[in-house]
Amino acid sequence: MQGSIRSPLGRLVLFIVGLSIAGALVAGTHYALVDLPGQVVRQAPTNAGPDPCAAACAPAYHICISGCSGNGGCIDTCYQVAETCAHSCGIEIMG
């Protein structure tokens, strides 16, 4: 009895099916070993609340500026004092 003779098209189809199975195995292994561990849920840090040092700077600035009555020099002085207060707390004021 003669062995079955496969056409070149049949062999090509089997080769492509074999490649797709091998590719699926490689992709699944990569997902399980590389991608999945990288998706670990991370806990967000809790806020410690406002810094007492910085909390004192804003009210002092608002009290100072309320007594300026639109005087530009007084407002600049209040801003410089508030900026110094913030720098002493380690805060950078943008403005």
PDB file of N, CA and C in Angstrom:
ATOM      1  N   MET A   1       0.841  -1.169   0.000  1.00  0.00           N
ATOM      2  CA  MET A   1       0.000   0.000   0.000  1.00  0.00           C
ATOM      3  C   MET A   1       0.888   1.235   0.000  1.00  0.00           C
ATOM      4  N   GLN A   2       0.529   2.142  -0.817  1.00  0.00           N
ATOM      5  CA  GLN A   2       1.330   3.342  -0.993  1.00  0.00           C
ATOM      6  C   GLN A   2       0.892   4.377   0.041  1.00  0.00           C
ATOM      7  N   GLY A   3       1.868   5.133   0.617  1.00  0.00           N
ATOM      8  CA  GLY A   3       1.560   6.192   1.591  1.00  0.00           C
ATOM      9  C   GLY A   3       0.782   7.313   0.928  1.00  0.00           C
ATOM     10  N   SER A   4       0.079   8.047   1.730  1.00  0.00           N
ATOM     11  CA  SER A   4      -0.742   9.127   1.182  1.00  0.00           C
ATOM     12  C   SER A   4       0.155  10.235   0.649  1.00  0.00           C
ATOM     13  N   ILE A   5      -0.197  10.741  -0.498  1.00  0.00           N
ATOM     14  CA  ILE A   5       0.557  11.823  -1.115  1.00  0.00           C
ATOM     15  C   ILE A   5      -0.194  13.114  -0.833  1.00  0.00           C
ATOM     16  N   ARG A   6       0.486  14.043  -0.194  1.00  0.00           N
ATOM     17  CA  ARG A   6      -0.155  15.319   0.138  1.00  0.00           C
ATOM     18  C   ARG A   6       0.241  16.359  -0.893  1.00  0.00           C
ATOM     19  N   SER A   7      -0.682  17.198  -1.162  1.00  0.00           N
ATOM     20  CA  SER A   7      -0.401  18.263  -2.116  1.00  0.00           C
ATOM     21  C   SER A   7       0.433  19.345  -1.437  1.00  0.00           C
ATOM     22  N   PRO A   8       1.140  20.147  -2.195  1.00  0.00           N
ATOM     23  CA  PRO A   8       1.917  21.234  -1.601  1.00  0.00           C
ATOM     24  C   PRO A   8       1.037  22.218  -0.829  1.00  0.00           C
ATOM     25  N   LEU A   9      -0.178  22.412  -1.281  1.00  0.00           N
ATOM     26  CA  LEU A   9      -1.086  23.316  -0.576  1.00  0.00           C
ATOM     27  C   LEU A   9      -1.463  22.751   0.794  1.00  0.00           C
ATOM     28  N   GLY A  10      -1.687  21.451   0.870  1.00  0.00           N
ATOM     29  CA  GLY A  10      -2.006  20.807   2.144  1.00  0.00           C
ATOM     30  C   GLY A  10      -0.854  20.914   3.133  1.00  0.00           C
ATOM     31  N   ARG A  11       0.367  20.711   2.634  1.00  0.00           N
ATOM     32  CA  ARG A  11       1.541  20.846   3.511  1.00  0.00           C
ATOM     33  C   ARG A  11       1.712  22.279   4.003  1.00  0.00           C
ATOM     34  N   LEU A  12       1.431  23.246   3.122  1.00  0.00           N
ATOM     35  CA  LEU A  12       1.523  24.654   3.510  1.00  0.00           C
ATOM     36  C   LEU A  12       0.508  24.991   4.598  1.00  0.00           C
ATOM     37  N   VAL A  13      -0.711  24.474   4.452  1.00  0.00           N
ATOM     38  CA  VAL A  13      -1.751  24.718   5.461  1.00  0.00           C
ATOM     39  C   VAL A  13      -1.336  24.110   6.797  1.00  0.00           C
ATOM     40  N   LEU A  14      -0.815  22.897   6.788  1.00  0.00           N
ATOM     41  CA  LEU A  14      -0.359  22.269   8.036  1.00  0.00           C
ATOM     42  C   LEU A  14       0.789  23.053   8.664  1.00  0.00           C
ATOM     43  N   PHE A  15       1.694  23.538   7.833  1.00  0.00           N
ATOM     44  CA  PHE A  15       2.812  24.339   8.345  1.00  0.00           C
ATOM     45  C   PHE A  15       2.302  25.621   9.007  1.00  0.00           C
ATOM     46  N   ILE A  16       1.343  26.294   8.370  1.00  0.00           N
ATOM     47  CA  ILE A  16       0.799  27.539   8.920  1.00  0.00           C
ATOM     48  C   ILE A  16       0.046  27.271  10.223  1.00  0.00           C
ATOM     49  N   VAL A  17      -0.710  26.179  10.284  1.00  0.00           N
ATOM     50  CA  VAL A  17      -1.421  25.821  11.522  1.00  0.00           C
ATOM     51  C   VAL A  17      -0.412  25.532  12.632  1.00  0.00           C
ATOM     52  N   GLY A  18       0.651  24.827  12.305  1.00  0.00           N
ATOM     53  CA  GLY A  18       1.696  24.556  13.305  1.00  0.00           C
ATOM     54  C   GLY A  18       2.348  25.831  13.809  1.00  0.00           C
ATOM     55  N   LEU A  19       2.627  26.772  12.888  1.00  0.00           N
ATOM     56  CA  LEU A  19       3.203  28.055  13.300  1.00  0.00           C
ATOM     57  C   LEU A  19       2.253  28.836  14.205  1.00  0.00           C
ATOM     58  N   SER A  20       0.970  28.795  13.893  1.00  0.00           N
ATOM     59  CA  SER A  20       0.018  29.544  14.720  1.00  0.00           C
ATOM     60  C   SER A  20      -0.081  28.950  16.117  1.00  0.00           C
ATOM     61  N   ILE A  21      -0.031  27.631  16.232  1.00  0.00           N
ATOM     62  CA  ILE A  21      -0.061  26.990  17.553  1.00  0.00           C
ATOM     63  C   ILE A  21       1.205  27.336  18.331  1.00  0.00           C
ATOM     64  N   ALA A  22       2.358  27.271  17.666  1.00  0.00           N
ATOM     65  CA  ALA A  22       3.616  27.623  18.338  1.00  0.00           C
ATOM     66  C   ALA A  22       3.609  29.089  18.768  1.00  0.00           C
ATOM     67  N   GLY A  23       3.103  29.981  17.920  1.00  0.00           N
ATOM     68  CA  GLY A  23       3.035  31.402  18.268  1.00  0.00           C
ATOM     69  C   GLY A  23       2.118  31.657  19.445  1.00  0.00           C
ATOM     70  N   ALA A  24       0.998  30.935  19.499  1.00  0.00           N
ATOM     71  CA  ALA A  24       0.075  31.088  20.624  1.00  0.00           C
ATOM     72  C   ALA A  24       0.726  30.631  21.926  1.00  0.00           C
ATOM     73  N   LEU A  25       1.494  29.551  21.865  1.00  0.00           N
ATOM     74  CA  LEU A  25       2.185  29.072  23.068  1.00  0.00           C
ATOM     75  C   LEU A  25       3.245  30.073  23.540  1.00  0.00           C
ATOM     76  N   VAL A  26       4.006  30.615  22.608  1.00  0.00           N
ATOM     77  CA  VAL A  26       5.032  31.604  22.966  1.00  0.00           C
ATOM     78  C   VAL A  26       4.385  32.863  23.531  1.00  0.00           C
ATOM     79  N   ALA A  27       3.300  33.322  22.909  1.00  0.00           N
ATOM     80  CA  ALA A  27       2.621  34.528  23.388  1.00  0.00           C
ATOM     81  C   ALA A  27       2.020  34.309  24.769  1.00  0.00           C
ATOM     82  N   GLY A  28       1.426  33.150  25.001  1.00  0.00           N
ATOM     83  CA  GLY A  28       0.859  32.850  26.317  1.00  0.00           C
ATOM     84  C   GLY A  28       1.922  32.783  27.394  1.00  0.00           C
ATOM     85  N   THR A  29       3.053  32.179  27.072  1.00  0.00           N
ATOM     86  CA  THR A  29       4.159  32.115  28.032  1.00  0.00           C
ATOM     87  C   THR A  29       4.692  33.510  28.335  1.00  0.00           C
ATOM     88  N   HIS A  30       4.847  34.331  27.326  1.00  0.00           N
ATOM     89  CA  HIS A  30       5.323  35.701  27.532  1.00  0.00           C
ATOM     90  C   HIS A  30       4.350  36.486  28.397  1.00  0.00           C
ATOM     91  N   TYR A  31       3.058  36.335  28.144  1.00  0.00           N
ATOM     92  CA  TYR A  31       2.049  37.045  28.939  1.00  0.00           C
ATOM     93  C   TYR A  31       2.123  36.616  30.402  1.00  0.00           C
ATOM     94  N   ALA A  32       2.231  35.304  30.638  1.00  0.00           N
ATOM     95  CA  ALA A  32       2.233  34.795  32.006  1.00  0.00           C
ATOM     96  C   ALA A  32       3.500  35.171  32.767  1.00  0.00           C
ATOM     97  N   LEU A  33       4.634  35.231  32.086  1.00  0.00           N
ATOM     98  CA  LEU A  33       5.901  35.471  32.777  1.00  0.00           C
ATOM     99  C   LEU A  33       6.346  36.926  32.790  1.00  0.00           C
ATOM    100  N   VAL A  34       5.916  37.736  31.816  1.00  0.00           N
ATOM    101  CA  VAL A  34       6.405  39.111  31.711  1.00  0.00           C
ATOM    102  C   VAL A  34       5.294  40.128  31.957  1.00  0.00           C
ATOM    103  N   ASP A  35       4.209  40.019  31.207  1.00  0.00           N
ATOM    104  CA  ASP A  35       3.159  41.039  31.272  1.00  0.00           C
ATOM    105  C   ASP A  35       2.335  40.968  32.552  1.00  0.00           C
ATOM    106  N   LEU A  36       1.934  39.782  32.955  1.00  0.00           N
ATOM    107  CA  LEU A  36       1.060  39.640  34.118  1.00  0.00           C
ATOM    108  C   LEU A  36       1.713  40.114  35.416  1.00  0.00           C
ATOM    109  N   PRO A  37       2.977  39.777  35.701  1.00  0.00           N
ATOM    110  CA  PRO A  37       3.588  40.304  36.929  1.00  0.00           C
ATOM    111  C   PRO A  37       3.737  41.824  36.921  1.00  0.00           C
ATOM    112  N   GLY A  38       3.812  42.438  35.752  1.00  0.00           N
ATOM    113  CA  GLY A  38       3.927  43.893  35.670  1.00  0.00           C
ATOM    114  C   GLY A  38       2.629  44.614  35.954  1.00  0.00           C
ATOM    115  N   GLN A  39       1.528  43.875  36.062  1.00  0.00           N
ATOM    116  CA  GLN A  39       0.227  44.480  36.303  1.00  0.00           C
ATOM    117  C   GLN A  39      -0.178  44.427  37.770  1.00  0.00           C
ATOM    118  N   VAL A  40       0.766  44.287  38.657  1.00  0.00           N
ATOM    119  CA  VAL A  40       0.477  44.220  40.082  1.00  0.00           C
ATOM    120  C   VAL A  40      -0.122  45.546  40.526  1.00  0.00           C
ATOM    121  N   VAL A  41      -1.220  45.465  41.260  1.00  0.00           N
ATOM    122  CA  VAL A  41      -1.887  46.674  41.742  1.00  0.00           C
ATOM    123  C   VAL A  41      -1.038  47.275  42.856  1.00  0.00           C
ATOM    124  N   ARG A  42      -0.758  48.549  42.715  1.00  0.00           N
ATOM    125  CA  ARG A  42       0.062  49.221  43.718  1.00  0.00           C
ATOM    126  C   ARG A  42      -0.815  50.081  44.600  1.00  0.00           C
ATOM    127  N   GLN A  43      -0.513  50.102  45.870  1.00  0.00           N
ATOM    128  CA  GLN A  43      -1.273  50.885  46.833  1.00  0.00           C
ATOM    129  C   GLN A  43      -0.845  52.344  46.751  1.00  0.00           C
ATOM    130  N   ALA A  44      -1.807  53.216  46.615  1.00  0.00           N
ATOM    131  CA  ALA A  44      -1.509  54.647  46.580  1.00  0.00           C
ATOM    132  C   ALA A  44      -1.115  55.110  47.982  1.00  0.00           C
ATOM    133  N   PRO A  45      -0.143  56.004  48.084  1.00  0.00           N
ATOM    134  CA  PRO A  45       0.250  56.488  49.410  1.00  0.00           C
ATOM    135  C   PRO A  45      -0.859  57.335  50.022  1.00  0.00           C
ATOM    136  N   THR A  46      -0.963  57.254  51.322  1.00  0.00           N
ATOM    137  CA  THR A  46      -1.971  58.058  52.009  1.00  0.00           C
ATOM    138  C   THR A  46      -1.433  59.462  52.223  1.00  0.00           C
ATOM    139  N   ASN A  47      -2.318  60.404  52.207  1.00  0.00           N
ATOM    140  CA  ASN A  47      -1.929  61.784  52.448  1.00  0.00           C
ATOM    141  C   ASN A  47      -1.734  61.994  53.941  1.00  0.00           C
ATOM    142  N   ALA A  48      -0.681  62.680  54.282  1.00  0.00           N
ATOM    143  CA  ALA A  48      -0.379  62.926  55.683  1.00  0.00           C
ATOM    144  C   ALA A  48      -1.112  64.155  56.210  1.00  0.00           C
ATOM    145  N   GLY A  49      -1.854  64.836  55.365  1.00  0.00           N
ATOM    146  CA  GLY A  49      -2.542  66.046  55.795  1.00  0.00           C
ATOM    147  C   GLY A  49      -1.667  67.255  55.551  1.00  0.00           C
ATOM    148  N   PRO A  50      -2.218  68.434  55.791  1.00  0.00           N
ATOM    149  CA  PRO A  50      -1.440  69.649  55.531  1.00  0.00           C
ATOM    150  C   PRO A  50      -0.270  69.792  56.501  1.00  0.00           C
ATOM    151  N   ASP A  51       0.800  70.324  55.989  1.00  0.00           N
ATOM    152  CA  ASP A  51       1.983  70.576  56.797  1.00  0.00           C
ATOM    153  C   ASP A  51       1.691  71.761  57.713  1.00  0.00           C
ATOM    154  N   PRO A  52       1.870  71.618  59.030  1.00  0.00           N
ATOM    155  CA  PRO A  52       1.570  72.730  59.940  1.00  0.00           C
ATOM    156  C   PRO A  52       2.394  73.975  59.632  1.00  0.00           C
ATOM    157  N   CYS A  53       3.604  73.782  59.160  1.00  0.00           N
ATOM    158  CA  CYS A  53       4.452  74.926  58.823  1.00  0.00           C
ATOM    159  C   CYS A  53       3.833  75.705  57.674  1.00  0.00           C
ATOM    160  N   ALA A  54       3.437  74.991  56.613  1.00  0.00           N
ATOM    161  CA  ALA A  54       2.862  75.651  55.445  1.00  0.00           C
ATOM    162  C   ALA A  54       1.465  76.179  55.730  1.00  0.00           C
ATOM    163  N   ALA A  55       0.736  75.538  56.638  1.00  0.00           N
ATOM    164  CA  ALA A  55      -0.623  75.975  56.951  1.00  0.00           C
ATOM    165  C   ALA A  55      -0.634  77.361  57.583  1.00  0.00           C
ATOM    166  N   ALA A  56       0.456  77.771  58.190  1.00  0.00           N
ATOM    167  CA  ALA A  56       0.508  79.088  58.833  1.00  0.00           C
ATOM    168  C   ALA A  56       0.837  80.199  57.838  1.00  0.00           C
ATOM    169  N   CYS A  57       1.395  79.870  56.692  1.00  0.00           N
ATOM    170  CA  CYS A  57       1.836  80.894  55.740  1.00  0.00           C
ATOM    171  C   CYS A  57       0.670  81.606  55.063  1.00  0.00           C
ATOM    172  N   ALA A  58      -0.326  80.869  54.589  1.00  0.00           N
ATOM    173  CA  ALA A  58      -1.430  81.478  53.844  1.00  0.00           C
ATOM    174  C   ALA A  58      -2.258  82.433  54.704  1.00  0.00           C
ATOM    175  N   PRO A  59      -2.675  82.041  55.920  1.00  0.00           N
ATOM    176  CA  PRO A  59      -3.453  82.994  56.728  1.00  0.00           C
ATOM    177  C   PRO A  59      -2.662  84.257  57.064  1.00  0.00           C
ATOM    178  N   ALA A  60      -1.372  84.098  57.326  1.00  0.00           N
ATOM    179  CA  ALA A  60      -0.551  85.275  57.636  1.00  0.00           C
ATOM    180  C   ALA A  60      -0.485  86.206  56.429  1.00  0.00           C
ATOM    181  N   TYR A  61      -0.413  85.643  55.238  1.00  0.00           N
ATOM    182  CA  TYR A  61      -0.382  86.448  54.018  1.00  0.00           C
ATOM    183  C   TYR A  61      -1.703  87.188  53.836  1.00  0.00           C
ATOM    184  N   HIS A  62      -2.811  86.498  54.041  1.00  0.00           N
ATOM    185  CA  HIS A  62      -4.121  87.130  53.851  1.00  0.00           C
ATOM    186  C   HIS A  62      -4.377  88.225  54.888  1.00  0.00           C
ATOM    187  N   ILE A  63      -3.927  88.020  56.105  1.00  0.00           N
ATOM    188  CA  ILE A  63      -4.070  89.060  57.135  1.00  0.00           C
ATOM    189  C   ILE A  63      -3.222  90.268  56.759  1.00  0.00           C
ATOM    190  N   CYS A  64      -2.003  90.015  56.307  1.00  0.00           N
ATOM    191  CA  CYS A  64      -1.104  91.103  55.921  1.00  0.00           C
ATOM    192  C   CYS A  64      -1.678  91.894  54.749  1.00  0.00           C
ATOM    193  N   ILE A  65      -2.170  91.190  53.745  1.00  0.00           N
ATOM    194  CA  ILE A  65      -2.644  91.861  52.532  1.00  0.00           C
ATOM    195  C   ILE A  65      -3.958  92.608  52.769  1.00  0.00           C
ATOM    196  N   SER A  66      -4.739  92.160  53.756  1.00  0.00           N
ATOM    197  CA  SER A  66      -6.009  92.846  54.024  1.00  0.00           C
ATOM    198  C   SER A  66      -5.783  94.246  54.581  1.00  0.00           C
ATOM    199  N   GLY A  67      -4.632  94.504  55.162  1.00  0.00           N
ATOM    200  CA  GLY A  67      -4.331  95.829  55.693  1.00  0.00           C
ATOM    201  C   GLY A  67      -3.611  96.734  54.709  1.00  0.00           C
ATOM    202  N   CYS A  68      -3.409  96.295  53.487  1.00  0.00           N
ATOM    203  CA  CYS A  68      -2.642  97.082  52.520  1.00  0.00           C
ATOM    204  C   CYS A  68      -3.472  98.143  51.799  1.00  0.00           C
ATOM    205  N   SER A  69      -4.764  97.975  51.686  1.00  0.00           N
ATOM    206  CA  SER A  69      -5.664  98.935  51.018  1.00  0.00           C
ATOM    207  C   SER A  69      -5.190  99.285  49.605  1.00  0.00           C
ATOM    208  N   GLY A  70      -4.713  98.311  48.856  1.00  0.00           N
ATOM    209  CA  GLY A  70      -4.314  98.542  47.473  1.00  0.00           C
ATOM    210  C   GLY A  70      -2.933  99.128  47.293  1.00  0.00           C
ATOM    211  N   ASN A  71      -2.175  99.348  48.353  1.00  0.00           N
ATOM    212  CA  ASN A  71      -0.821  99.888  48.271  1.00  0.00           C
ATOM    213  C   ASN A  71       0.095  98.808  47.680  1.00  0.00           C
ATOM    214  N   GLY A  72       0.664  99.073  46.496  1.00  0.00           N
ATOM    215  CA  GLY A  72       1.499  98.097  45.803  1.00  0.00           C
ATOM    216  C   GLY A  72       2.734  97.693  46.581  1.00  0.00           C
ATOM    217  N   GLY A  73       3.380  98.648  47.241  1.00  0.00           N
ATOM    218  CA  GLY A  73       4.581  98.329  48.021  1.00  0.00           C
ATOM    219  C   GLY A  73       4.257  97.420  49.192  1.00  0.00           C
ATOM    220  N   CYS A  74       3.114  97.679  49.833  1.00  0.00           N
ATOM    221  CA  CYS A  74       2.684  96.850  50.965  1.00  0.00           C
ATOM    222  C   CYS A  74       2.371  95.425  50.493  1.00  0.00           C
ATOM    223  N   ILE A  75       1.702  95.315  49.347  1.00  0.00           N
ATOM    224  CA  ILE A  75       1.362  93.994  48.807  1.00  0.00           C
ATOM    225  C   ILE A  75       2.630  93.226  48.448  1.00  0.00           C
ATOM    226  N   ASP A  76       3.611  93.916  47.855  1.00  0.00           N
ATOM    227  CA  ASP A  76       4.879  93.264  47.527  1.00  0.00           C
ATOM    228  C   ASP A  76       5.585  92.767  48.781  1.00  0.00           C
ATOM    229  N   THR A  77       5.547  93.584  49.842  1.00  0.00           N
ATOM    230  CA  THR A  77       6.177  93.185  51.106  1.00  0.00           C
ATOM    231  C   THR A  77       5.481  91.950  51.674  1.00  0.00           C
ATOM    232  N   CYS A  78       4.139  91.940  51.639  1.00  0.00           N
ATOM    233  CA  CYS A  78       3.394  90.777  52.136  1.00  0.00           C
ATOM    234  C   CYS A  78       3.749  89.524  51.334  1.00  0.00           C
ATOM    235  N   TYR A  79       3.880  89.682  50.016  1.00  0.00           N
ATOM    236  CA  TYR A  79       4.225  88.551  49.164  1.00  0.00           C
ATOM    237  C   TYR A  79       5.623  88.028  49.496  1.00  0.00           C
ATOM    238  N   GLN A  80       6.566  88.935  49.716  1.00  0.00           N
ATOM    239  CA  GLN A  80       7.932  88.520  50.045  1.00  0.00           C
ATOM    240  C   GLN A  80       7.974  87.797  51.385  1.00  0.00           C
ATOM    241  N   VAL A  81       7.179  88.286  52.354  1.00  0.00           N
ATOM    242  CA  VAL A  81       7.131  87.619  53.665  1.00  0.00           C
ATOM    243  C   VAL A  81       6.522  86.220  53.508  1.00  0.00           C
ATOM    244  N   ALA A  82       5.443  86.120  52.721  1.00  0.00           N
ATOM    245  CA  ALA A  82       4.818  84.814  52.497  1.00  0.00           C
ATOM    246  C   ALA A  82       5.763  83.874  51.754  1.00  0.00           C
ATOM    247  N   GLU A  83       6.508  84.415  50.804  1.00  0.00           N
ATOM    248  CA  GLU A  83       7.464  83.600  50.057  1.00  0.00           C
ATOM    249  C   GLU A  83       8.574  83.089  50.976  1.00  0.00           C
ATOM    250  N   THR A  84       9.051  83.941  51.872  1.00  0.00           N
ATOM    251  CA  THR A  84      10.074  83.533  52.840  1.00  0.00           C
ATOM    252  C   THR A  84       9.534  82.446  53.760  1.00  0.00           C
ATOM    253  N   CYS A  85       8.277  82.615  54.206  1.00  0.00           N
ATOM    254  CA  CYS A  85       7.640  81.612  55.062  1.00  0.00           C
ATOM    255  C   CYS A  85       7.551  80.270  54.331  1.00  0.00           C
ATOM    256  N   ALA A  86       7.120  80.310  53.077  1.00  0.00           N
ATOM    257  CA  ALA A  86       6.978  79.078  52.301  1.00  0.00           C
ATOM    258  C   ALA A  86       8.334  78.420  52.057  1.00  0.00           C
ATOM    259  N   HIS A  87       9.348  79.219  51.746  1.00  0.00           N
ATOM    260  CA  HIS A  87      10.694  78.658  51.530  1.00  0.00           C
ATOM    261  C   HIS A  87      11.219  77.995  52.800  1.00  0.00           C
ATOM    262  N   SER A  88      10.900  78.557  53.960  1.00  0.00           N
ATOM    263  CA  SER A  88      11.362  77.951  55.214  1.00  0.00           C
ATOM    264  C   SER A  88      10.693  76.599  55.451  1.00  0.00           C
ATOM    265  N   CYS A  89       9.530  76.385  54.819  1.00  0.00           N
ATOM    266  CA  CYS A  89       8.825  75.099  54.931  1.00  0.00           C
ATOM    267  C   CYS A  89       9.207  74.141  53.806  1.00  0.00           C
ATOM    268  N   GLY A  90      10.028  74.605  52.886  1.00  0.00           N
ATOM    269  CA  GLY A  90      10.429  73.759  51.769  1.00  0.00           C
ATOM    270  C   GLY A  90       9.452  73.779  50.616  1.00  0.00           C
ATOM    271  N   ILE A  91       8.670  74.872  50.492  1.00  0.00           N
ATOM    272  CA  ILE A  91       7.668  74.988  49.432  1.00  0.00           C
ATOM    273  C   ILE A  91       8.107  76.072  48.464  1.00  0.00           C
ATOM    274  N   GLU A  92       7.967  75.786  47.171  1.00  0.00           N
ATOM    275  CA  GLU A  92       8.295  76.756  46.135  1.00  0.00           C
ATOM    276  C   GLU A  92       7.016  77.448  45.701  1.00  0.00           C
ATOM    277  N   ILE A  93       6.979  78.778  45.749  1.00  0.00           N
ATOM    278  CA  ILE A  93       5.812  79.548  45.327  1.00  0.00           C
ATOM    279  C   ILE A  93       6.008  79.937  43.876  1.00  0.00           C
ATOM    280  N   MET A  94       5.017  79.623  43.075  1.00  0.00           N
ATOM    281  CA  MET A  94       5.050  79.997  41.665  1.00  0.00           C
ATOM    282  C   MET A  94       4.259  81.286  41.510  1.00  0.00           C
ATOM    283  N   GLY A  95       4.810  82.253  40.858  1.00  0.00           N
ATOM    284  CA  GLY A  95       4.038  83.485  40.683  1.00  0.00           C
ATOM    285  C   GLY A  95       4.912  84.533  40.231  1.00  0.00           C
TER     286      GLY A  95
END
